Amino acid sequence: MLSEPTVISPKMKGTLQAMNQKVLIVEDDLDIAKLVEMHIADLGCKCDVANDGEVGLQKALKTQYDLIILDLMLPGVDGLEICKELRSEKNYTPILMLTSRSKEFDKVLGLEFGADDYLTKPFSVRELLARVKAIFRRVDAVKDDVSGVAKKQIQFRDLKVDLEKRTAVVKGQKIDLTAKEFDLLALFARNPGKAYSRQGLLDTVWGYKFDGYDHTVNSHINRLRAKIEEDPANPKYILTVWGVGYKFADEE
């Protein structure tokens, strides 16, 4: 359920920027689905709705969306399985997960399976819209970075990162990265020598502002090193900055 009245005043509507993105809402509670659809539509977005996991998964696989709002507990196929399946199919559409659970275990699973943000029920309309707009801003920022004056390809030693195609190659071998692994690598590669704290990486890449999720960053760093480093125990690309966090090696 939503935690405050779901009517947006005309004044508030006037402050919302029309976005024109296409959003898939996968939610089995018909009332919540209808309310979320109404308020997302107020942003200027086009919405599709699915009320069970299997239908939602098929829609997500067959149609290109700009955002998927995905409930965790669904009949048939649950939200975590949908998220996992989409990422395994190289579908990197941003995912905002909804759940009535608030345990750290659930949030970590959502992060690990590739969710971009996480909202716990009951939530307010204002918070929902803020999370949605924040996701769109992050996506637009990445697009602007790639399509603007920034480098589209970064070559460092044996590693080549293509920001536009979202691919990484080491010694001519294409590396299979998850969405968040690539986002981490791209951030590092664009900013060689810059040290990032674990919380800073969590805020920048995932958009979260939670404390206590450093292990999520650590696990992604470890997996990324295992894929791109010749010797993960002695990395030459993603370096540990003791007492701070991590950085990409300085340009030679």
C-alpha atoms as a PDB file:
ATOM      1  CA  MET A   1       0.000   0.000   0.000  1.00  0.00           C
ATOM      2  CA  LEU A   2       0.962   3.640  -0.327  1.00  0.00           C
ATOM      3  CA  SER A   3       1.683   5.491   2.882  1.00  0.00           C
ATOM      4  CA  GLU A   4       0.016   8.814   2.082  1.00  0.00           C
ATOM      5  CA  PRO A   5      -2.925  10.099   0.001  1.00  0.00           C
ATOM      6  CA  THR A   6      -2.301   9.327  -3.643  1.00  0.00           C
ATOM      7  CA  VAL A   7      -3.739  12.495  -5.154  1.00  0.00           C
ATOM      8  CA  ILE A   8      -1.196  14.793  -6.760  1.00  0.00           C
ATOM      9  CA  SER A   9      -2.274  18.429  -6.762  1.00  0.00           C
ATOM     10  CA  PRO A  10      -2.326  20.471  -9.990  1.00  0.00           C
ATOM     11  CA  LYS A  11       0.530  22.536  -8.566  1.00  0.00           C
ATOM     12  CA  MET A  12       2.635  19.415  -8.018  1.00  0.00           C
ATOM     13  CA  LYS A  13       1.777  18.123 -11.476  1.00  0.00           C
ATOM     14  CA  GLY A  14       3.094  21.354 -12.902  1.00  0.00           C
ATOM     15  CA  THR A  15       6.480  20.645 -11.362  1.00  0.00           C
ATOM     16  CA  LEU A  16       6.783  17.233 -12.977  1.00  0.00           C
ATOM     17  CA  GLN A  17       8.727  17.120 -16.212  1.00  0.00           C
ATOM     18  CA  ALA A  18       7.143  15.091 -19.001  1.00  0.00           C
ATOM     19  CA  MET A  19       9.467  12.205 -19.653  1.00  0.00           C
ATOM     20  CA  ASN A  20       7.863  10.116 -22.412  1.00  0.00           C
ATOM     21  CA  GLN A  21       9.590   6.944 -21.235  1.00  0.00           C
ATOM     22  CA  LYS A  22       7.930   3.547 -21.423  1.00  0.00           C
ATOM     23  CA  VAL A  23       7.446   1.803 -18.083  1.00  0.00           C
ATOM     24  CA  LEU A  24       6.413  -1.752 -17.239  1.00  0.00           C
ATOM     25  CA  ILE A  25       4.674  -2.229 -13.868  1.00  0.00           C
ATOM     26  CA  VAL A  26       4.663  -5.813 -12.575  1.00  0.00           C
ATOM     27  CA  GLU A  27       2.469  -5.897  -9.454  1.00  0.00           C
ATOM     28  CA  ASP A  28      -0.135  -8.484  -8.419  1.00  0.00           C
ATOM     29  CA  ASP A  29      -2.018  -6.157  -6.055  1.00  0.00           C
ATOM     30  CA  LEU A  30      -4.498  -4.591  -8.484  1.00  0.00           C
ATOM     31  CA  ASP A  31      -5.066  -1.478  -6.366  1.00  0.00           C
ATOM     32  CA  ILE A  32      -1.355  -0.745  -5.992  1.00  0.00           C
ATOM     33  CA  ALA A  33      -0.736  -1.450  -9.668  1.00  0.00           C
ATOM     34  CA  LYS A  34      -3.477   0.977 -10.672  1.00  0.00           C
ATOM     35  CA  LEU A  35      -2.235   3.705  -8.339  1.00  0.00           C
ATOM     36  CA  VAL A  36       1.383   3.326  -9.447  1.00  0.00           C
ATOM     37  CA  GLU A  37       0.301   3.394 -13.093  1.00  0.00           C
ATOM     38  CA  MET A  38      -1.744   6.571 -12.523  1.00  0.00           C
ATOM     39  CA  HIS A  39       1.105   8.469 -10.900  1.00  0.00           C
ATOM     40  CA  ILE A  40       3.797   7.254 -13.298  1.00  0.00           C
ATOM     41  CA  ALA A  41       1.524   8.339 -16.150  1.00  0.00           C
ATOM     42  CA  ASP A  42       1.432  11.796 -14.542  1.00  0.00           C
ATOM     43  CA  LEU A  43       5.142  12.016 -15.355  1.00  0.00           C
ATOM     44  CA  GLY A  44       4.285  11.659 -19.032  1.00  0.00           C
ATOM     45  CA  CYS A  45       5.333   8.006 -19.175  1.00  0.00           C
ATOM     46  CA  LYS A  46       3.533   5.302 -21.120  1.00  0.00           C
ATOM     47  CA  CYS A  47       2.713   2.333 -18.892  1.00  0.00           C
ATOM     48  CA  ASP A  48       2.101  -1.379 -19.390  1.00  0.00           C
ATOM     49  CA  VAL A  49       0.864  -3.435 -16.443  1.00  0.00           C
ATOM     50  CA  ALA A  50       1.242  -7.141 -15.655  1.00  0.00           C
ATOM     51  CA  ASN A  51      -0.373  -8.732 -12.596  1.00  0.00           C
ATOM     52  CA  ASP A  52       1.656 -11.942 -12.442  1.00  0.00           C
ATOM     53  CA  GLY A  53       5.298 -12.827 -12.812  1.00  0.00           C
ATOM     54  CA  GLU A  54       5.172 -14.921 -15.969  1.00  0.00           C
ATOM     55  CA  VAL A  55       3.245 -12.295 -17.955  1.00  0.00           C
ATOM     56  CA  GLY A  56       5.575  -9.588 -16.651  1.00  0.00           C
ATOM     57  CA  LEU A  57       8.670 -11.555 -17.637  1.00  0.00           C
ATOM     58  CA  GLN A  58       7.392 -12.160 -21.164  1.00  0.00           C
ATOM     59  CA  LYS A  59       6.497  -8.490 -21.624  1.00  0.00           C
ATOM     60  CA  ALA A  60       9.939  -7.448 -20.385  1.00  0.00           C
ATOM     61  CA  LEU A  61      11.673  -9.864 -22.758  1.00  0.00           C
ATOM     62  CA  LYS A  62       9.625  -8.916 -25.811  1.00  0.00           C
ATOM     63  CA  THR A  63       9.313  -5.139 -25.408  1.00  0.00           C
ATOM     64  CA  GLN A  64      11.945  -2.452 -24.906  1.00  0.00           C
ATOM     65  CA  TYR A  65      11.149  -0.499 -21.743  1.00  0.00           C
ATOM     66  CA  ASP A  66      12.936   2.410 -20.102  1.00  0.00           C
ATOM     67  CA  LEU A  67      12.071   1.196 -16.588  1.00  0.00           C
ATOM     68  CA  ILE A  68      10.546  -1.851 -14.933  1.00  0.00           C
ATOM     69  CA  ILE A  69       8.776  -1.393 -11.585  1.00  0.00           C
ATOM     70  CA  LEU A  70       8.848  -4.908 -10.209  1.00  0.00           C
ATOM     71  CA  ASP A  71       7.153  -6.334  -7.119  1.00  0.00           C
ATOM     72  CA  LEU A  72       9.196  -8.886  -5.207  1.00  0.00           C
ATOM     73  CA  MET A  73       6.383 -11.259  -4.243  1.00  0.00           C
ATOM     74  CA  LEU A  74       4.468 -12.363  -7.331  1.00  0.00           C
ATOM     75  CA  PRO A  75       2.398 -15.419  -8.294  1.00  0.00           C
ATOM     76  CA  GLY A  76       4.158 -17.771 -10.679  1.00  0.00           C
ATOM     77  CA  VAL A  77       7.597 -16.222 -11.052  1.00  0.00           C
ATOM     78  CA  ASP A  78       8.765 -13.912  -8.267  1.00  0.00           C
ATOM     79  CA  GLY A  79      10.519 -10.590  -8.738  1.00  0.00           C
ATOM     80  CA  LEU A  80      14.010 -11.843  -7.942  1.00  0.00           C
ATOM     81  CA  GLU A  81      13.714 -14.600 -10.545  1.00  0.00           C
ATOM     82  CA  ILE A  82      12.472 -12.106 -13.134  1.00  0.00           C
ATOM     83  CA  CYS A  83      15.375  -9.789 -12.358  1.00  0.00           C
ATOM     84  CA  LYS A  84      17.859 -12.656 -12.565  1.00  0.00           C
ATOM     85  CA  GLU A  85      16.393 -13.924 -15.848  1.00  0.00           C
ATOM     86  CA  LEU A  86      16.445 -10.483 -17.484  1.00  0.00           C
ATOM     87  CA  ARG A  87      20.060  -9.883 -16.548  1.00  0.00           C
ATOM     88  CA  SER A  88      21.061 -13.339 -17.795  1.00  0.00           C
ATOM     89  CA  GLU A  89      19.429 -12.430 -21.134  1.00  0.00           C
ATOM     90  CA  LYS A  90      21.548  -9.230 -21.301  1.00  0.00           C
ATOM     91  CA  ASN A  91      18.470  -7.112 -20.678  1.00  0.00           C
ATOM     92  CA  TYR A  92      19.793  -4.119 -18.723  1.00  0.00           C
ATOM     93  CA  THR A  93      16.555  -2.156 -18.416  1.00  0.00           C
ATOM     94  CA  PRO A  94      16.617  -0.309 -15.062  1.00  0.00           C
ATOM     95  CA  ILE A  95      14.608  -2.117 -12.385  1.00  0.00           C
ATOM     96  CA  LEU A  96      12.943  -0.530  -9.354  1.00  0.00           C
ATOM     97  CA  MET A  97      11.947  -3.325  -6.985  1.00  0.00           C
ATOM     98  CA  LEU A  98       8.955  -3.052  -4.642  1.00  0.00           C
ATOM     99  CA  THR A  99       8.613  -5.202  -1.548  1.00  0.00           C
ATOM    100  CA  SER A 100       6.749  -5.437   1.738  1.00  0.00           C
ATOM    101  CA  ARG A 101       9.895  -6.886   3.281  1.00  0.00           C
ATOM    102  CA  SER A 102      12.490  -4.613   4.830  1.00  0.00           C
ATOM    103  CA  LYS A 103      15.173  -7.097   5.848  1.00  0.00           C
ATOM    104  CA  GLU A 104      18.732  -6.415   4.715  1.00  0.00           C
ATOM    105  CA  PHE A 105      18.790  -9.930   3.212  1.00  0.00           C
ATOM    106  CA  ASP A 106      16.126  -8.994   0.682  1.00  0.00           C
ATOM    107  CA  LYS A 107      17.775  -5.697  -0.230  1.00  0.00           C
ATOM    108  CA  VAL A 108      21.136  -7.350  -0.765  1.00  0.00           C
ATOM    109  CA  LEU A 109      19.543 -10.007  -2.986  1.00  0.00           C
ATOM    110  CA  GLY A 110      17.905  -7.285  -5.058  1.00  0.00           C
ATOM    111  CA  LEU A 111      21.234  -5.524  -5.492  1.00  0.00           C
ATOM    112  CA  GLU A 112      23.101  -8.725  -6.273  1.00  0.00           C
ATOM    113  CA  PHE A 113      20.572  -9.777  -8.918  1.00  0.00           C
ATOM    114  CA  GLY A 114      20.867  -6.439 -10.708  1.00  0.00           C
ATOM    115  CA  ALA A 115      18.092  -4.203  -9.366  1.00  0.00           C
ATOM    116  CA  ASP A 116      18.800  -0.492  -9.727  1.00  0.00           C
ATOM    117  CA  ASP A 117      16.781   0.703  -6.762  1.00  0.00           C
ATOM    118  CA  TYR A 118      14.645  -0.683  -3.977  1.00  0.00           C
ATOM    119  CA  LEU A 119      11.462   0.687  -2.404  1.00  0.00           C
ATOM    120  CA  THR A 120       9.833  -0.862   0.666  1.00  0.00           C
ATOM    121  CA  LYS A 121       6.053  -0.844   1.141  1.00  0.00           C
ATOM    122  CA  PRO A 122       4.348   1.215   2.388  1.00  0.00           C
ATOM    123  CA  PHE A 123       5.873   4.048   0.371  1.00  0.00           C
ATOM    124  CA  SER A 124       4.724   7.547  -0.434  1.00  0.00           C
ATOM    125  CA  VAL A 125       3.833   8.839  -3.869  1.00  0.00           C
ATOM    126  CA  ARG A 126       6.492  11.502  -3.510  1.00  0.00           C
ATOM    127  CA  GLU A 127       9.177   8.912  -2.758  1.00  0.00           C
ATOM    128  CA  LEU A 128       8.083   6.683  -5.644  1.00  0.00           C
ATOM    129  CA  LEU A 129       8.242   9.526  -8.130  1.00  0.00           C
ATOM    130  CA  ALA A 130      11.568  10.734  -6.738  1.00  0.00           C
ATOM    131  CA  ARG A 131      13.092   7.257  -7.181  1.00  0.00           C
ATOM    132  CA  VAL A 132      11.740   6.944 -10.721  1.00  0.00           C
ATOM    133  CA  LYS A 133      13.051  10.365 -11.753  1.00  0.00           C
ATOM    134  CA  ALA A 134      16.419   9.641 -10.137  1.00  0.00           C
ATOM    135  CA  ILE A 135      16.769   6.449 -12.194  1.00  0.00           C
ATOM    136  CA  PHE A 136      15.915   8.315 -15.402  1.00  0.00           C
ATOM    137  CA  ARG A 137      18.449  11.031 -14.535  1.00  0.00           C
ATOM    138  CA  ARG A 138      21.202   8.449 -14.038  1.00  0.00           C
ATOM    139  CA  VAL A 139      20.376   6.783 -17.343  1.00  0.00           C
ATOM    140  CA  ASP A 140      20.324  10.136 -19.159  1.00  0.00           C
ATOM    141  CA  ALA A 141      23.640  11.112 -17.574  1.00  0.00           C
ATOM    142  CA  VAL A 142      25.259   7.952 -18.890  1.00  0.00           C
ATOM    143  CA  LYS A 143      23.801   8.536 -22.359  1.00  0.00           C
ATOM    144  CA  ASP A 144      25.005  12.138 -22.382  1.00  0.00           C
ATOM    145  CA  ASP A 145      28.459  11.045 -21.281  1.00  0.00           C
ATOM    146  CA  VAL A 146      28.706   8.460 -24.039  1.00  0.00           C
ATOM    147  CA  SER A 147      27.195  10.532 -26.827  1.00  0.00           C
ATOM    148  CA  GLY A 148      28.943  13.802 -25.931  1.00  0.00           C
ATOM    149  CA  VAL A 149      32.568  14.765 -25.923  1.00  0.00           C
ATOM    150  CA  ALA A 150      33.568  11.972 -23.540  1.00  0.00           C
ATOM    151  CA  LYS A 151      35.528   9.057 -24.884  1.00  0.00           C
ATOM    152  CA  LYS A 152      33.413   6.254 -26.258  1.00  0.00           C
ATOM    153  CA  GLN A 153      36.263   3.772 -25.999  1.00  0.00           C
ATOM    154  CA  ILE A 154      38.894   3.547 -23.308  1.00  0.00           C
ATOM    155  CA  GLN A 155      42.082   1.550 -23.816  1.00  0.00           C
ATOM    156  CA  PHE A 156      44.375   0.838 -20.879  1.00  0.00           C
ATOM    157  CA  ARG A 157      47.079  -1.792 -21.188  1.00  0.00           C
ATOM    158  CA  ASP A 158      45.314  -4.987 -22.320  1.00  0.00           C
ATOM    159  CA  LEU A 159      41.853  -3.741 -21.342  1.00  0.00           C
ATOM    160  CA  LYS A 160      39.489  -2.042 -23.786  1.00  0.00           C
ATOM    161  CA  VAL A 161      36.150  -0.641 -22.573  1.00  0.00           C
ATOM    162  CA  ASP A 162      33.519   0.429 -25.105  1.00  0.00           C
ATOM    163  CA  LEU A 163      31.110   2.746 -23.277  1.00  0.00           C
ATOM    164  CA  GLU A 164      28.618   2.909 -26.138  1.00  0.00           C
ATOM    165  CA  LYS A 165      28.384  -0.839 -26.779  1.00  0.00           C
ATOM    166  CA  ARG A 166      28.836  -1.635 -23.060  1.00  0.00           C
ATOM    167  CA  THR A 167      31.510  -4.208 -23.749  1.00  0.00           C
ATOM    168  CA  ALA A 168      34.873  -4.988 -22.203  1.00  0.00           C
ATOM    169  CA  VAL A 169      37.720  -6.846 -23.898  1.00  0.00           C
ATOM    170  CA  VAL A 170      40.920  -8.135 -22.289  1.00  0.00           C
ATOM    171  CA  LYS A 171      43.719  -9.316 -24.588  1.00  0.00           C
ATOM    172  CA  GLY A 172      41.216  -9.600 -27.434  1.00  0.00           C
ATOM    173  CA  GLN A 173      38.830 -11.725 -25.362  1.00  0.00           C
ATOM    174  CA  LYS A 174      35.347 -10.311 -24.736  1.00  0.00           C
ATOM    175  CA  ILE A 175      34.434 -10.384 -21.055  1.00  0.00           C
ATOM    176  CA  ASP A 176      30.894 -11.249 -19.962  1.00  0.00           C
ATOM    177  CA  LEU A 177      29.897  -8.613 -17.385  1.00  0.00           C
ATOM    178  CA  THR A 178      26.643  -7.966 -15.560  1.00  0.00           C
ATOM    179  CA  ALA A 179      25.082  -4.507 -15.796  1.00  0.00           C
ATOM    180  CA  LYS A 180      26.438  -3.368 -12.433  1.00  0.00           C
ATOM    181  CA  GLU A 181      29.879  -4.885 -13.061  1.00  0.00           C
ATOM    182  CA  PHE A 182      30.098  -2.897 -16.290  1.00  0.00           C
ATOM    183  CA  ASP A 183      28.832   0.274 -14.597  1.00  0.00           C
ATOM    184  CA  LEU A 184      31.566  -0.075 -11.970  1.00  0.00           C
ATOM    185  CA  LEU A 185      34.239  -0.708 -14.584  1.00  0.00           C
ATOM    186  CA  ALA A 186      33.080   2.222 -16.726  1.00  0.00           C
ATOM    187  CA  LEU A 187      33.114   4.569 -13.741  1.00  0.00           C
ATOM    188  CA  PHE A 188      36.632   3.500 -12.812  1.00  0.00           C
ATOM    189  CA  ALA A 189      37.951   3.605 -16.372  1.00  0.00           C
ATOM    190  CA  ARG A 190      36.570   7.113 -16.974  1.00  0.00           C
ATOM    191  CA  ASN A 191      38.275   8.351 -13.818  1.00  0.00           C
ATOM    192  CA  PRO A 192      41.735   6.755 -13.572  1.00  0.00           C
ATOM    193  CA  GLY A 193      43.519   7.417 -10.312  1.00  0.00           C
ATOM    194  CA  LYS A 194      40.423   8.708  -8.515  1.00  0.00           C
ATOM    195  CA  ALA A 195      39.748   6.910  -5.223  1.00  0.00           C
ATOM    196  CA  TYR A 196      36.176   5.979  -4.386  1.00  0.00           C
ATOM    197  CA  SER A 197      34.865   4.901  -0.997  1.00  0.00           C
ATOM    198  CA  ARG A 198      32.579   1.893  -0.878  1.00  0.00           C
ATOM    199  CA  GLN A 199      29.654   4.090   0.111  1.00  0.00           C
ATOM    200  CA  GLY A 200      30.514   6.487  -2.708  1.00  0.00           C
ATOM    201  CA  LEU A 201      30.423   3.642  -5.215  1.00  0.00           C
ATOM    202  CA  LEU A 202      27.127   2.423  -3.783  1.00  0.00           C
ATOM    203  CA  ASP A 203      25.592   5.892  -4.099  1.00  0.00           C
ATOM    204  CA  THR A 204      26.981   6.527  -7.592  1.00  0.00           C
ATOM    205  CA  VAL A 205      26.389   3.161  -9.262  1.00  0.00           C
ATOM    206  CA  TRP A 206      23.305   1.905  -7.455  1.00  0.00           C
ATOM    207  CA  GLY A 207      21.819   5.207  -6.394  1.00  0.00           C
ATOM    208  CA  TYR A 208      21.383   3.957  -2.837  1.00  0.00           C
ATOM    209  CA  LYS A 209      22.029   6.083   0.219  1.00  0.00           C
ATOM    210  CA  PHE A 210      22.058   3.270   2.768  1.00  0.00           C
ATOM    211  CA  ASP A 211      24.784   2.530   5.253  1.00  0.00           C
ATOM    212  CA  GLY A 212      25.982  -0.998   5.889  1.00  0.00           C
ATOM    213  CA  TYR A 213      25.980  -2.390   2.347  1.00  0.00           C
ATOM    214  CA  ASP A 214      29.727  -2.247   1.763  1.00  0.00           C
ATOM    215  CA  HIS A 215      29.805  -6.014   1.245  1.00  0.00           C
ATOM    216  CA  THR A 216      27.621  -5.588  -1.864  1.00  0.00           C
ATOM    217  CA  VAL A 217      30.292  -3.354  -3.413  1.00  0.00           C
ATOM    218  CA  ASN A 218      33.051  -5.700  -2.265  1.00  0.00           C
ATOM    219  CA  SER A 219      31.408  -8.733  -3.870  1.00  0.00           C
ATOM    220  CA  HIS A 220      30.963  -6.907  -7.176  1.00  0.00           C
ATOM    221  CA  ILE A 221      34.582  -5.720  -7.103  1.00  0.00           C
ATOM    222  CA  ASN A 222      35.783  -9.265  -6.417  1.00  0.00           C
ATOM    223  CA  ARG A 223      33.750 -10.692  -9.298  1.00  0.00           C
ATOM    224  CA  LEU A 224      34.894  -7.918 -11.627  1.00  0.00           C
ATOM    225  CA  ARG A 225      38.529  -8.538 -10.730  1.00  0.00           C
ATOM    226  CA  ALA A 226      38.079 -12.268 -11.285  1.00  0.00           C
ATOM    227  CA  LYS A 227      36.919 -11.508 -14.833  1.00  0.00           C
ATOM    228  CA  ILE A 228      39.363  -8.826 -15.974  1.00  0.00           C
ATOM    229  CA  GLU A 229      42.507  -9.344 -13.903  1.00  0.00           C
ATOM    230  CA  GLU A 230      45.166 -11.859 -14.864  1.00  0.00           C
ATOM    231  CA  ASP A 231      45.892 -12.320 -11.170  1.00  0.00           C
ATOM    232  CA  PRO A 232      42.924 -11.096  -9.053  1.00  0.00           C
ATOM    233  CA  ALA A 233      45.049 -11.304  -5.886  1.00  0.00           C
ATOM    234  CA  ASN A 234      47.481  -8.806  -7.435  1.00  0.00           C
ATOM    235  CA  PRO A 235      45.265  -6.578  -9.590  1.00  0.00           C
ATOM    236  CA  LYS A 236      46.690  -4.122 -12.083  1.00  0.00           C
ATOM    237  CA  TYR A 237      43.447  -2.396 -13.080  1.00  0.00           C
ATOM    238  CA  ILE A 238      41.173  -2.020 -10.045  1.00  0.00           C
ATOM    239  CA  LEU A 239      43.353  -1.258  -7.058  1.00  0.00           C
ATOM    240  CA  THR A 240      42.557  -1.177  -3.354  1.00  0.00           C
ATOM    241  CA  VAL A 241      43.175   2.148  -1.627  1.00  0.00           C
ATOM    242  CA  TRP A 242      43.657   1.130   1.979  1.00  0.00           C
ATOM    243  CA  GLY A 243      41.456   3.022   4.400  1.00  0.00           C
ATOM    244  CA  VAL A 244      39.430   4.513   1.531  1.00  0.00           C
ATOM    245  CA  GLY A 245      38.104   2.033  -1.023  1.00  0.00           C
ATOM    246  CA  TYR A 246      39.111   1.432  -4.633  1.00  0.00           C
ATOM    247  CA  LYS A 247      40.488   3.201  -7.679  1.00  0.00           C
ATOM    248  CA  PHE A 248      41.413   2.476 -11.281  1.00  0.00           C
ATOM    249  CA  ALA A 249      45.144   2.438 -11.990  1.00  0.00           C
ATOM    250  CA  ASP A 250      46.654   5.776 -12.964  1.00  0.00           C
ATOM    251  CA  GLU A 251      47.232   6.333 -16.654  1.00  0.00           C
ATOM    252  CA  GLU A 252      50.806   5.619 -17.660  1.00  0.00           C
END
